[in-house]
C-alpha cells in the first residue's frame, strides 16, 4: 500500500516533464497552425489535419493528468501515516470500504485506458 503512495511524486514529476517537453511545444505549434491555415485551401486542409491530431493528443494528455490527480493517493497517504487506524475496530469497516472503492477505481482506470474513442 505505501509503495504505490511512495511512487506518486515520481509519477507526477514524469507527467510534469511530459507537459514541459511535449505538450507545451505542441500547444504552440497548434496555435501557429491555426493562424497560418488560411494561406491556401490545400494548406488549410493539410494543416487542419495536423491541428486535429495535436488537439487529440493534448485532450488525451489532459484526461490522463486528471486520472493521475485522483484523490486516492491522498487517502492512502493519510491511512499509511498512522498505522493505528487499521487496528481500531470501528475503522475496519471504513478501511474496507476504501479498499472496495480502490478496486472500483482500478477497474475504471483499466477500462478508461482500453477505450479507444468516446
PDB file of N, CA and C in Angstrom:
ATOM      1  N   UNK A   1       0.824  -1.187   0.000  1.00  0.00           N
ATOM      2  CA  UNK A   1       0.000   0.000   0.000  1.00  0.00           C
ATOM      3  C   UNK A   1       0.867   1.249   0.000  1.00  0.00           C
ATOM      4  N   UNK A   2       1.875   1.302   0.799  1.00  0.00           N
ATOM      5  CA  UNK A   2       2.691   2.514   0.858  1.00  0.00           C
ATOM      6  C   UNK A   2       3.577   2.657  -0.368  1.00  0.00           C
ATOM      7  N   UNK A   3       3.930   1.542  -1.043  1.00  0.00           N
ATOM      8  CA  UNK A   3       4.798   1.670  -2.213  1.00  0.00           C
ATOM      9  C   UNK A   3       4.098   2.429  -3.336  1.00  0.00           C
ATOM     10  N   UNK A   4       2.804   2.236  -3.506  1.00  0.00           N
ATOM     11  CA  UNK A   4       2.061   2.983  -4.520  1.00  0.00           C
ATOM     12  C   UNK A   4       2.035   4.463  -4.178  1.00  0.00           C
ATOM     13  N   UNK A   5       1.900   4.751  -2.895  1.00  0.00           N
ATOM     14  CA  UNK A   5       1.897   6.146  -2.452  1.00  0.00           C
ATOM     15  C   UNK A   5       3.278   6.751  -2.636  1.00  0.00           C
ATOM     16  N   UNK A   6       4.317   5.971  -2.346  1.00  0.00           N
ATOM     17  CA  UNK A   6       5.685   6.473  -2.486  1.00  0.00           C
ATOM     18  C   UNK A   6       6.018   6.811  -3.937  1.00  0.00           C
ATOM     19  N   UNK A   7       5.429   6.093  -4.894  1.00  0.00           N
ATOM     20  CA  UNK A   7       5.714   6.330  -6.306  1.00  0.00           C
ATOM     21  C   UNK A   7       4.967   7.532  -6.870  1.00  0.00           C
ATOM     22  N   UNK A   8       3.980   8.024  -6.157  1.00  0.00           N
ATOM     23  CA  UNK A   8       3.154   9.114  -6.670  1.00  0.00           C
ATOM     24  C   UNK A   8       3.960  10.353  -7.028  1.00  0.00           C
ATOM     25  N   UNK A   9       4.868  10.844  -6.181  1.00  0.00           N
ATOM     26  CA  UNK A   9       5.638  12.031  -6.578  1.00  0.00           C
ATOM     27  C   UNK A   9       6.439  11.822  -7.859  1.00  0.00           C
ATOM     28  N   UNK A  10       7.009  10.646  -8.034  1.00  0.00           N
ATOM     29  CA  UNK A  10       7.775  10.364  -9.251  1.00  0.00           C
ATOM     30  C   UNK A  10       6.858  10.356 -10.470  1.00  0.00           C
ATOM     31  N   UNK A  11       5.658   9.780 -10.319  1.00  0.00           N
ATOM     32  CA  UNK A  11       4.702   9.762 -11.419  1.00  0.00           C
ATOM     33  C   UNK A  11       4.280  11.175 -11.798  1.00  0.00           C
ATOM     34  N   UNK A  12       4.032  12.005 -10.799  1.00  0.00           N
ATOM     35  CA  UNK A  12       3.622  13.378 -11.071  1.00  0.00           C
ATOM     36  C   UNK A  12       4.754  14.180 -11.704  1.00  0.00           C
ATOM     37  N   UNK A  13       5.991  13.915 -11.289  1.00  0.00           N
ATOM     38  CA  UNK A  13       7.142  14.586 -11.895  1.00  0.00           C
ATOM     39  C   UNK A  13       7.277  14.180 -13.359  1.00  0.00           C
ATOM     40  N   UNK A  14       7.097  12.894 -13.642  1.00  0.00           N
ATOM     41  CA  UNK A  14       7.161  12.425 -15.027  1.00  0.00           C
ATOM     42  C   UNK A  14       6.073  13.077 -15.865  1.00  0.00           C
ATOM     43  N   UNK A  15       4.885  13.235 -15.294  1.00  0.00           N
ATOM     44  CA  UNK A  15       3.792  13.899 -16.013  1.00  0.00           C
ATOM     45  C   UNK A  15       4.132  15.360 -16.275  1.00  0.00           C
ATOM     46  N   UNK A  16       4.745  16.023 -15.305  1.00  0.00           N
ATOM     47  CA  UNK A  16       5.158  17.415 -15.495  1.00  0.00           C
ATOM     48  C   UNK A  16       6.218  17.528 -16.583  1.00  0.00           C
ATOM     49  N   UNK A  17       7.180  16.583 -16.602  1.00  0.00           N
ATOM     50  CA  UNK A  17       8.210  16.580 -17.635  1.00  0.00           C
ATOM     51  C   UNK A  17       7.587  16.390 -19.017  1.00  0.00           C
ATOM     52  N   UNK A  18       6.601  15.510 -19.118  1.00  0.00           N
ATOM     53  CA  UNK A  18       5.906  15.278 -20.383  1.00  0.00           C
ATOM     54  C   UNK A  18       5.220  16.558 -20.841  1.00  0.00           C
ATOM     55  N   UNK A  19       4.584  17.248 -19.900  1.00  0.00           N
ATOM     56  CA  UNK A  19       3.910  18.521 -20.202  1.00  0.00           C
ATOM     57  C   UNK A  19       4.902  19.531 -20.758  1.00  0.00           C
ATOM     58  N   UNK A  20       6.025  19.685 -20.079  1.00  0.00           N
ATOM     59  CA  UNK A  20       7.022  20.675 -20.486  1.00  0.00           C
ATOM     60  C   UNK A  20       7.697  20.289 -21.800  1.00  0.00           C
ATOM     61  N   UNK A  21       8.065  19.026 -21.930  1.00  0.00           N
ATOM     62  CA  UNK A  21       8.831  18.580 -23.087  1.00  0.00           C
ATOM     63  C   UNK A  21       7.994  18.466 -24.353  1.00  0.00           C
ATOM     64  N   UNK A  22       6.778  17.938 -24.232  1.00  0.00           N
ATOM     65  CA  UNK A  22       5.995  17.632 -25.427  1.00  0.00           C
ATOM     66  C   UNK A  22       4.742  18.488 -25.602  1.00  0.00           C
ATOM     67  N   UNK A  23       3.985  18.659 -24.540  1.00  0.00           N
ATOM     68  CA  UNK A  23       2.695  19.323 -24.704  1.00  0.00           C
ATOM     69  C   UNK A  23       2.806  20.823 -24.930  1.00  0.00           C
ATOM     70  N   UNK A  24       3.703  21.491 -24.227  1.00  0.00           N
ATOM     71  CA  UNK A  24       3.839  22.939 -24.434  1.00  0.00           C
ATOM     72  C   UNK A  24       4.230  23.261 -25.880  1.00  0.00           C
ATOM     73  N   UNK A  25       5.249  22.590 -26.438  1.00  0.00           N
ATOM     74  CA  UNK A  25       5.560  22.855 -27.854  1.00  0.00           C
ATOM     75  C   UNK A  25       4.402  22.491 -28.785  1.00  0.00           C
ATOM     76  N   UNK A  26       3.688  21.413 -28.467  1.00  0.00           N
ATOM     77  CA  UNK A  26       2.554  21.005 -29.291  1.00  0.00           C
ATOM     78  C   UNK A  26       1.445  22.058 -29.262  1.00  0.00           C
ATOM     79  N   UNK A  27       1.214  22.650 -28.102  1.00  0.00           N
ATOM     80  CA  UNK A  27       0.211  23.716 -27.989  1.00  0.00           C
ATOM     81  C   UNK A  27       0.631  24.943 -28.797  1.00  0.00           C
ATOM     82  N   UNK A  28       1.917  25.251 -28.772  1.00  0.00           N
ATOM     83  CA  UNK A  28       2.429  26.391 -29.547  1.00  0.00           C
ATOM     84  C   UNK A  28       2.274  26.124 -31.042  1.00  0.00           C
ATOM     85  N   UNK A  29       2.648  24.923 -31.465  1.00  0.00           N
ATOM     86  CA  UNK A  29       2.521  24.552 -32.878  1.00  0.00           C
ATOM     87  C   UNK A  29       1.064  24.619 -33.308  1.00  0.00           C
ATOM     88  N   UNK A  30       0.161  24.130 -32.459  1.00  0.00           N
ATOM     89  CA  UNK A  30      -1.263  24.159 -32.780  1.00  0.00           C
ATOM     90  C   UNK A  30      -1.754  25.594 -32.965  1.00  0.00           C
ATOM     91  N   UNK A  31      -1.319  26.487 -32.100  1.00  0.00           N
ATOM     92  CA  UNK A  31      -1.716  27.898 -32.218  1.00  0.00           C
ATOM     93  C   UNK A  31      -1.184  28.507 -33.515  1.00  0.00           C
ATOM     94  N   UNK A  32       0.047  28.166 -33.876  1.00  0.00           N
ATOM     95  CA  UNK A  32       0.634  28.672 -35.121  1.00  0.00           C
ATOM     96  C   UNK A  32      -0.111  28.098 -36.326  1.00  0.00           C
ATOM     97  N   UNK A  33      -0.435  26.803 -36.269  1.00  0.00           N
ATOM     98  CA  UNK A  33      -1.156  26.173 -37.376  1.00  0.00           C
ATOM     99  C   UNK A  33      -2.499  26.846 -37.617  1.00  0.00           C
ATOM    100  N   UNK A  34      -3.180  27.202 -36.554  1.00  0.00           N
ATOM    101  CA  UNK A  34      -4.469  27.877 -36.705  1.00  0.00           C
ATOM    102  C   UNK A  34      -4.314  29.218 -37.418  1.00  0.00           C
ATOM    103  N   UNK A  35      -3.217  29.905 -37.162  1.00  0.00           N
ATOM    104  CA  UNK A  35      -3.003  31.228 -37.759  1.00  0.00           C
ATOM    105  C   UNK A  35      -2.596  31.150 -39.232  1.00  0.00           C
ATOM    106  N   UNK A  36      -1.808  30.129 -39.598  1.00  0.00           N
ATOM    107  CA  UNK A  36      -1.328  30.059 -40.982  1.00  0.00           C
ATOM    108  C   UNK A  36      -2.200  29.179 -41.873  1.00  0.00           C
ATOM    109  N   UNK A  37      -3.228  28.572 -41.332  1.00  0.00           N
ATOM    110  CA  UNK A  37      -4.066  27.666 -42.122  1.00  0.00           C
ATOM    111  C   UNK A  37      -4.847  28.378 -43.214  1.00  0.00           C
ATOM    112  N   UNK A  38      -5.032  29.667 -43.105  1.00  0.00           N
ATOM    113  CA  UNK A  38      -5.817  30.409 -44.087  1.00  0.00           C
ATOM    114  C   UNK A  38      -5.015  30.817 -45.324  1.00  0.00           C
ATOM    115  N   UNK A  39      -3.783  30.382 -45.446  1.00  0.00           N
ATOM    116  CA  UNK A  39      -2.919  30.775 -46.556  1.00  0.00           C
ATOM    117  C   UNK A  39      -3.441  30.239 -47.892  1.00  0.00           C
ATOM    118  N   UNK A  40      -3.744  28.962 -47.963  1.00  0.00           N
ATOM    119  CA  UNK A  40      -4.149  28.314 -49.207  1.00  0.00           C
ATOM    120  C   UNK A  40      -5.147  27.211 -48.855  1.00  0.00           C
ATOM    121  N   UNK A  41      -6.139  26.947 -49.736  1.00  0.00           N
ATOM    122  CA  UNK A  41      -7.129  25.910 -49.400  1.00  0.00           C
ATOM    123  C   UNK A  41      -6.508  24.538 -49.127  1.00  0.00           C
ATOM    124  N   UNK A  42      -5.508  24.137 -49.930  1.00  0.00           N
ATOM    125  CA  UNK A  42      -4.860  22.844 -49.698  1.00  0.00           C
ATOM    126  C   UNK A  42      -4.041  22.861 -48.409  1.00  0.00           C
ATOM    127  N   UNK A  43      -3.374  23.972 -48.185  1.00  0.00           N
ATOM    128  CA  UNK A  43      -2.610  24.114 -46.939  1.00  0.00           C
ATOM    129  C   UNK A  43      -3.557  24.084 -45.748  1.00  0.00           C
ATOM    130  N   UNK A  44      -4.707  24.718 -45.903  1.00  0.00           N
ATOM    131  CA  UNK A  44      -5.689  24.735 -44.816  1.00  0.00           C
ATOM    132  C   UNK A  44      -6.138  23.316 -44.477  1.00  0.00           C
ATOM    133  N   UNK A  45      -6.363  22.485 -45.511  1.00  0.00           N
ATOM    134  CA  UNK A  45      -6.795  21.117 -45.275  1.00  0.00           C
ATOM    135  C   UNK A  45      -5.692  20.311 -44.582  1.00  0.00           C
ATOM    136  N   UNK A  46      -4.481  20.400 -45.086  1.00  0.00           N
ATOM    137  CA  UNK A  46      -3.367  19.643 -44.508  1.00  0.00           C
ATOM    138  C   UNK A  46      -3.072  20.095 -43.081  1.00  0.00           C
ATOM    139  N   UNK A  47      -3.044  21.401 -42.889  1.00  0.00           N
ATOM    140  CA  UNK A  47      -2.764  21.922 -41.549  1.00  0.00           C
ATOM    141  C   UNK A  47      -3.916  21.638 -40.594  1.00  0.00           C
ATOM    142  N   UNK A  48      -5.139  21.565 -41.136  1.00  0.00           N
ATOM    143  CA  UNK A  48      -6.291  21.207 -40.306  1.00  0.00           C
ATOM    144  C   UNK A  48      -6.163  19.800 -39.752  1.00  0.00           C
ATOM    145  N   UNK A  49      -5.657  18.881 -40.569  1.00  0.00           N
ATOM    146  CA  UNK A  49      -5.436  17.502 -40.116  1.00  0.00           C
ATOM    147  C   UNK A  49      -4.383  17.475 -39.012  1.00  0.00           C
ATOM    148  N   UNK A  50      -3.288  18.203 -39.215  1.00  0.00           N
ATOM    149  CA  UNK A  50      -2.247  18.264 -38.180  1.00  0.00           C
ATOM    150  C   UNK A  50      -2.781  18.888 -36.895  1.00  0.00           C
ATOM    151  N   UNK A  51      -3.568  19.936 -37.050  1.00  0.00           N
ATOM    152  CA  UNK A  51      -4.128  20.607 -35.883  1.00  0.00           C
ATOM    153  C   UNK A  51      -5.080  19.681 -35.132  1.00  0.00           C
ATOM    154  N   UNK A  52      -5.901  18.939 -35.874  1.00  0.00           N
ATOM    155  CA  UNK A  52      -6.830  17.998 -35.230  1.00  0.00           C
ATOM    156  C   UNK A  52      -6.061  16.924 -34.465  1.00  0.00           C
ATOM    157  N   UNK A  53      -4.987  16.429 -35.064  1.00  0.00           N
ATOM    158  CA  UNK A  53      -4.180  15.410 -34.387  1.00  0.00           C
ATOM    159  C   UNK A  53      -3.563  15.965 -33.109  1.00  0.00           C
ATOM    160  N   UNK A  54      -3.066  17.185 -33.166  1.00  0.00           N
ATOM    161  CA  UNK A  54      -2.455  17.763 -31.959  1.00  0.00           C
ATOM    162  C   UNK A  54      -3.503  18.015 -30.883  1.00  0.00           C
ATOM    163  N   UNK A  55      -4.711  18.410 -31.283  1.00  0.00           N
ATOM    164  CA  UNK A  55      -5.784  18.624 -30.309  1.00  0.00           C
ATOM    165  C   UNK A  55      -6.163  17.312 -29.614  1.00  0.00           C
ATOM    166  N   UNK A  56      -6.168  16.214 -30.369  1.00  0.00           N
ATOM    167  CA  UNK A  56      -6.473  14.903 -29.790  1.00  0.00           C
ATOM    168  C   UNK A  56      -5.413  14.527 -28.759  1.00  0.00           C
ATOM    169  N   UNK A  57      -4.154  14.731 -29.096  1.00  0.00           N
ATOM    170  CA  UNK A  57      -3.062  14.403 -28.170  1.00  0.00           C
ATOM    171  C   UNK A  57      -3.147  15.258 -26.912  1.00  0.00           C
ATOM    172  N   UNK A  58      -3.402  16.542 -27.079  1.00  0.00           N
ATOM    173  CA  UNK A  58      -3.497  17.450 -25.927  1.00  0.00           C
ATOM    174  C   UNK A  58      -4.673  17.062 -25.039  1.00  0.00           C
ATOM    175  N   UNK A  59      -5.829  16.760 -25.651  1.00  0.00           N
ATOM    176  CA  UNK A  59      -7.007  16.375 -24.864  1.00  0.00           C
ATOM    177  C   UNK A  59      -6.755  15.083 -24.097  1.00  0.00           C
ATOM    178  N   UNK A  60      -6.098  14.106 -24.735  1.00  0.00           N
ATOM    179  CA  UNK A  60      -5.799  12.847 -24.052  1.00  0.00           C
ATOM    180  C   UNK A  60      -4.851  13.084 -22.889  1.00  0.00           C
ATOM    181  N   UNK A  61      -3.859  13.925 -23.087  1.00  0.00           N
ATOM    182  CA  UNK A  61      -2.914  14.221 -22.006  1.00  0.00           C
ATOM    183  C   UNK A  61      -3.621  14.896 -20.834  1.00  0.00           C
ATOM    184  N   UNK A  62      -4.579  15.760 -21.131  1.00  0.00           N
ATOM    185  CA  UNK A  62      -5.330  16.410 -20.053  1.00  0.00           C
ATOM    186  C   UNK A  62      -6.187  15.400 -19.296  1.00  0.00           C
ATOM    187  N   UNK A  63      -6.793  14.446 -20.016  1.00  0.00           N
ATOM    188  CA  UNK A  63      -7.561  13.390 -19.334  1.00  0.00           C
ATOM    189  C   UNK A  63      -6.638  12.524 -18.487  1.00  0.00           C
ATOM    190  N   UNK A  64      -5.472  12.193 -19.036  1.00  0.00           N
ATOM    191  CA  UNK A  64      -4.513  11.387 -18.276  1.00  0.00           C
ATOM    192  C   UNK A  64      -4.069  12.108 -17.009  1.00  0.00           C
ATOM    193  N   UNK A  65      -3.858  13.408 -17.101  1.00  0.00           N
ATOM    194  CA  UNK A  65      -3.471  14.190 -15.924  1.00  0.00           C
ATOM    195  C   UNK A  65      -4.579  14.166 -14.882  1.00  0.00           C
ATOM    196  N   UNK A  66      -5.825  14.207 -15.339  1.00  0.00           N
ATOM    197  CA  UNK A  66      -6.952  14.135 -14.407  1.00  0.00           C
ATOM    198  C   UNK A  66      -6.973  12.796 -13.680  1.00  0.00           C
ATOM    199  N   UNK A  67      -6.663  11.732 -14.401  1.00  0.00           N
ATOM    200  CA  UNK A  67      -6.608  10.407 -13.774  1.00  0.00           C
ATOM    201  C   UNK A  67      -5.487  10.367 -12.741  1.00  0.00           C
ATOM    202  N   UNK A  68      -4.324  10.948 -13.071  1.00  0.00           N
ATOM    203  CA  UNK A  68      -3.203  10.951 -12.127  1.00  0.00           C
ATOM    204  C   UNK A  68      -3.514  11.709 -10.846  1.00  0.00           C
ATOM    205  N   UNK A  69      -4.336  12.719 -10.963  1.00  0.00           N
ATOM    206  CA  UNK A  69      -4.575  13.550  -9.787  1.00  0.00           C
ATOM    207  C   UNK A  69      -5.771  13.093  -8.960  1.00  0.00           C
ATOM    208  N   UNK A  70      -6.182  11.853  -9.130  1.00  0.00           N
ATOM    209  CA  UNK A  70      -7.254  11.322  -8.295  1.00  0.00           C
ATOM    210  C   UNK A  70      -6.874  11.440  -6.822  1.00  0.00           C
ATOM    211  N   UNK A  71      -7.835  11.620  -5.993  1.00  0.00           N
ATOM    212  CA  UNK A  71      -7.596  11.816  -4.559  1.00  0.00           C
ATOM    213  C   UNK A  71      -7.224  10.527  -3.840  1.00  0.00           C
ATOM    214  N   UNK A  72      -7.256   9.426  -4.544  1.00  0.00           N
ATOM    215  CA  UNK A  72      -6.985   8.133  -3.928  1.00  0.00           C
ATOM    216  C   UNK A  72      -5.632   8.086  -3.232  1.00  0.00           C
ATOM    217  N   UNK A  73      -4.615   8.644  -3.840  1.00  0.00           N
ATOM    218  CA  UNK A  73      -3.278   8.636  -3.233  1.00  0.00           C
ATOM    219  C   UNK A  73      -3.277   9.388  -1.915  1.00  0.00           C
ATOM    220  N   UNK A  74      -4.015  10.489  -1.851  1.00  0.00           N
ATOM    221  CA  UNK A  74      -4.079  11.252  -0.605  1.00  0.00           C
ATOM    222  C   UNK A  74      -4.749  10.447   0.504  1.00  0.00           C
ATOM    223  N   UNK A  75      -5.783   9.697   0.147  1.00  0.00           N
ATOM    224  CA  UNK A  75      -6.476   8.875   1.144  1.00  0.00           C
ATOM    225  C   UNK A  75      -5.524   7.829   1.705  1.00  0.00           C
ATOM    226  N   UNK A  76      -4.812   7.118   0.826  1.00  0.00           N
ATOM    227  CA  UNK A  76      -3.886   6.090   1.300  1.00  0.00           C
ATOM    228  C   UNK A  76      -2.709   6.689   2.061  1.00  0.00           C
ATOM    229  N   UNK A  77      -2.273   7.849   1.663  1.00  0.00           N
ATOM    230  CA  UNK A  77      -1.200   8.518   2.405  1.00  0.00           C
ATOM    231  C   UNK A  77      -1.668   8.802   3.833  1.00  0.00           C
ATOM    232  N   UNK A  78      -2.911   9.258   3.976  1.00  0.00           N
ATOM    233  CA  UNK A  78      -3.470   9.538   5.294  1.00  0.00           C
ATOM    234  C   UNK A  78      -3.556   8.264   6.131  1.00  0.00           C
ATOM    235  N   UNK A  79      -4.032   7.188   5.526  1.00  0.00           N
ATOM    236  CA  UNK A  79      -4.152   5.918   6.257  1.00  0.00           C
ATOM    237  C   UNK A  79      -2.774   5.387   6.635  1.00  0.00           C
ATOM    238  N   UNK A  80      -1.812   5.485   5.731  1.00  0.00           N
ATOM    239  CA  UNK A  80      -0.479   4.930   5.972  1.00  0.00           C
ATOM    240  C   UNK A  80       0.311   5.719   7.002  1.00  0.00           C
ATOM    241  N   UNK A  81       0.009   6.987   7.193  1.00  0.00           N
ATOM    242  CA  UNK A  81       0.797   7.789   8.124  1.00  0.00           C
ATOM    243  C   UNK A  81       0.578   7.374   9.571  1.00  0.00           C
ATOM    244  N   UNK A  82      -0.529   6.736   9.838  1.00  0.00           N
ATOM    245  CA  UNK A  82      -0.817   6.323  11.209  1.00  0.00           C
ATOM    246  C   UNK A  82      -1.295   4.875  11.182  1.00  0.00           C
ATOM    247  N   UNK A  83      -0.396   3.936  11.491  1.00  0.00           N
ATOM    248  CA  UNK A  83      -0.725   2.513  11.442  1.00  0.00           C
ATOM    249  C   UNK A  83      -1.861   2.134  12.381  1.00  0.00           C
ATOM    250  N   UNK A  84      -2.115   2.926  13.380  1.00  0.00           N
ATOM    251  CA  UNK A  84      -3.142   2.573  14.359  1.00  0.00           C
ATOM    252  C   UNK A  84      -4.552   2.653  13.782  1.00  0.00           C
ATOM    253  N   UNK A  85      -4.747   3.362  12.665  1.00  0.00           N
ATOM    254  CA  UNK A  85      -6.087   3.462  12.082  1.00  0.00           C
ATOM    255  C   UNK A  85      -6.641   2.098  11.709  1.00  0.00           C
ATOM    256  N   UNK A  86      -5.809   1.236  11.142  1.00  0.00           N
ATOM    257  CA  UNK A  86      -6.252  -0.099  10.762  1.00  0.00           C
ATOM    258  C   UNK A  86      -6.507  -1.005  11.943  1.00  0.00           C
ATOM    259  N   UNK A  87      -5.978  -0.671  13.083  1.00  0.00           N
ATOM    260  CA  UNK A  87      -6.137  -1.502  14.280  1.00  0.00           C
ATOM    261  C   UNK A  87      -7.379  -1.135  15.082  1.00  0.00           C
ATOM    262  N   UNK A  88      -7.949   0.014  14.835  1.00  0.00           N
ATOM    263  CA  UNK A  88      -9.152   0.434  15.548  1.00  0.00           C
ATOM    264  C   UNK A  88     -10.340  -0.297  14.932  1.00  0.00           C
ATOM    265  N   UNK A  89     -11.075  -1.011  15.764  1.00  0.00           N
ATOM    266  CA  UNK A  89     -12.182  -1.847  15.295  1.00  0.00           C
ATOM    267  C   UNK A  89     -13.196  -1.051  14.473  1.00  0.00           C
ATOM    268  N   UNK A  90     -13.538   0.133  14.923  1.00  0.00           N
ATOM    269  CA  UNK A  90     -14.543   0.930  14.208  1.00  0.00           C
ATOM    270  C   UNK A  90     -14.040   1.422  12.851  1.00  0.00           C
ATOM    271  N   UNK A  91     -12.745   1.424  12.655  1.00  0.00           N
ATOM    272  CA  UNK A  91     -12.176   1.894  11.390  1.00  0.00           C
ATOM    273  C   UNK A  91     -12.087   0.789  10.339  1.00  0.00           C
ATOM    274  N   UNK A  92     -12.209  -0.466  10.766  1.00  0.00           N
ATOM    275  CA  UNK A  92     -12.050  -1.574   9.816  1.00  0.00           C
ATOM    276  C   UNK A  92     -13.089  -1.527   8.707  1.00  0.00           C
ATOM    277  N   UNK A  93     -14.328  -1.198   9.055  1.00  0.00           N
ATOM    278  CA  UNK A  93     -15.372  -1.111   8.039  1.00  0.00           C
ATOM    279  C   UNK A  93     -15.063   0.014   7.051  1.00  0.00           C
ATOM    280  N   UNK A  94     -14.596   1.124   7.564  1.00  0.00           N
ATOM    281  CA  UNK A  94     -14.263   2.266   6.703  1.00  0.00           C
ATOM    282  C   UNK A  94     -13.092   1.921   5.788  1.00  0.00           C
ATOM    283  N   UNK A  95     -12.056   1.299   6.349  1.00  0.00           N
ATOM    284  CA  UNK A  95     -10.900   0.902   5.536  1.00  0.00           C
ATOM    285  C   UNK A  95     -11.332  -0.113   4.480  1.00  0.00           C
ATOM    286  N   UNK A  96     -12.233  -1.029   4.848  1.00  0.00           N
ATOM    287  CA  UNK A  96     -12.763  -1.995   3.880  1.00  0.00           C
ATOM    288  C   UNK A  96     -13.487  -1.304   2.734  1.00  0.00           C
ATOM    289  N   UNK A  97     -14.266  -0.275   3.055  1.00  0.00           N
ATOM    290  CA  UNK A  97     -14.971   0.474   2.014  1.00  0.00           C
ATOM    291  C   UNK A  97     -13.988   1.234   1.121  1.00  0.00           C
ATOM    292  N   UNK A  98     -12.927   1.732   1.720  1.00  0.00           N
ATOM    293  CA  UNK A  98     -11.900   2.430   0.934  1.00  0.00           C
ATOM    294  C   UNK A  98     -11.236   1.459  -0.038  1.00  0.00           C
ATOM    295  N   UNK A  99     -10.931   0.254   0.435  1.00  0.00           N
ATOM    296  CA  UNK A  99     -10.319  -0.757  -0.429  1.00  0.00           C
ATOM    297  C   UNK A  99     -11.279  -1.126  -1.560  1.00  0.00           C
ATOM    298  N   UNK A 100     -12.567  -1.286  -1.223  1.00  0.00           N
ATOM    299  CA  UNK A 100     -13.567  -1.595  -2.248  1.00  0.00           C
ATOM    300  C   UNK A 100     -13.624  -0.475  -3.293  1.00  0.00           C
ATOM    301  N   UNK A 101     -13.611   0.761  -2.838  1.00  0.00           N
ATOM    302  CA  UNK A 101     -13.635   1.902  -3.757  1.00  0.00           C
ATOM    303  C   UNK A 101     -12.373   1.933  -4.616  1.00  0.00           C
ATOM    304  N   UNK A 102     -11.254   1.545  -4.028  1.00  0.00           N
ATOM    305  CA  UNK A 102      -9.999   1.483  -4.779  1.00  0.00           C
ATOM    306  C   UNK A 102     -10.115   0.492  -5.929  1.00  0.00           C
ATOM    307  N   UNK A 103     -10.709  -0.661  -5.649  1.00  0.00           N
ATOM    308  CA  UNK A 103     -10.892  -1.659  -6.705  1.00  0.00           C
ATOM    309  C   UNK A 103     -11.790  -1.124  -7.817  1.00  0.00           C
ATOM    310  N   UNK A 104     -12.844  -0.414  -7.440  1.00  0.00           N
ATOM    311  CA  UNK A 104     -13.715   0.187  -8.451  1.00  0.00           C
ATOM    312  C   UNK A 104     -12.951   1.212  -9.292  1.00  0.00           C
ATOM    313  N   UNK A 105     -12.126   2.012  -8.633  1.00  0.00           N
ATOM    314  CA  UNK A 105     -11.314   2.997  -9.360  1.00  0.00           C
ATOM    315  C   UNK A 105     -10.330   2.302 -10.295  1.00  0.00           C
ATOM    316  N   UNK A 106      -9.725   1.221  -9.829  1.00  0.00           N
ATOM    317  CA  UNK A 106      -8.769   0.479 -10.659  1.00  0.00           C
ATOM    318  C   UNK A 106      -9.463  -0.075 -11.900  1.00  0.00           C
ATOM    319  N   UNK A 107     -10.667  -0.607 -11.724  1.00  0.00           N
ATOM    320  CA  UNK A 107     -11.418  -1.111 -12.881  1.00  0.00           C
ATOM    321  C   UNK A 107     -11.755   0.028 -13.844  1.00  0.00           C
ATOM    322  N   UNK A 108     -12.156   1.172 -13.281  1.00  0.00           N
ATOM    323  CA  UNK A 108     -12.474   2.325 -14.125  1.00  0.00           C
ATOM    324  C   UNK A 108     -11.250   2.756 -14.931  1.00  0.00           C
ATOM    325  N   UNK A 109     -10.109   2.852 -14.275  1.00  0.00           N
ATOM    326  CA  UNK A 109      -8.887   3.278 -14.958  1.00  0.00           C
ATOM    327  C   UNK A 109      -8.491   2.259 -16.017  1.00  0.00           C
ATOM    328  N   UNK A 110      -8.624   0.968 -15.690  1.00  0.00           N
ATOM    329  CA  UNK A 110      -8.314  -0.070 -16.673  1.00  0.00           C
ATOM    330  C   UNK A 110      -9.218   0.074 -17.895  1.00  0.00           C
ATOM    331  N   UNK A 111     -10.528   0.218 -17.665  1.00  0.00           N
ATOM    332  CA  UNK A 111     -11.466   0.363 -18.774  1.00  0.00           C
ATOM    333  C   UNK A 111     -11.224   1.661 -19.534  1.00  0.00           C
ATOM    334  N   UNK A 112     -10.895   2.712 -18.810  1.00  0.00           N
ATOM    335  CA  UNK A 112     -10.613   4.012 -19.432  1.00  0.00           C
ATOM    336  C   UNK A 112      -9.414   3.907 -20.363  1.00  0.00           C
ATOM    337  N   UNK A 113      -8.382   3.212 -19.909  1.00  0.00           N
ATOM    338  CA  UNK A 113      -7.168   3.115 -20.720  1.00  0.00           C
ATOM    339  C   UNK A 113      -7.373   2.234 -21.945  1.00  0.00           C
ATOM    340  N   UNK A 114      -8.369   1.345 -21.905  1.00  0.00           N
ATOM    341  CA  UNK A 114      -8.645   0.484 -23.048  1.00  0.00           C
ATOM    342  C   UNK A 114      -9.591   1.135 -24.048  1.00  0.00           C
ATOM    343  N   UNK A 115     -10.287   2.190 -23.649  1.00  0.00           N
ATOM    344  CA  UNK A 115     -11.242   2.853 -24.525  1.00  0.00           C
ATOM    345  C   UNK A 115     -10.487   3.611 -25.614  1.00  0.00           C
ATOM    346  N   UNK A 116     -10.817   3.308 -26.847  1.00  0.00           N
ATOM    347  CA  UNK A 116     -10.122   3.944 -27.972  1.00  0.00           C
ATOM    348  C   UNK A 116     -10.789   5.245 -28.387  1.00  0.00           C
ATOM    349  N   UNK A 117     -12.105   5.333 -28.227  1.00  0.00           N
ATOM    350  CA  UNK A 117     -12.809   6.570 -28.583  1.00  0.00           C
ATOM    351  C   UNK A 117     -14.025   6.716 -27.690  1.00  0.00           C
ATOM    352  N   UNK A 118     -14.489   7.943 -27.578  1.00  0.00           N
ATOM    353  CA  UNK A 118     -15.621   8.200 -26.699  1.00  0.00           C
ATOM    354  C   UNK A 118     -16.852   8.478 -27.508  1.00  0.00           C
TER     355      UNK A 118
END
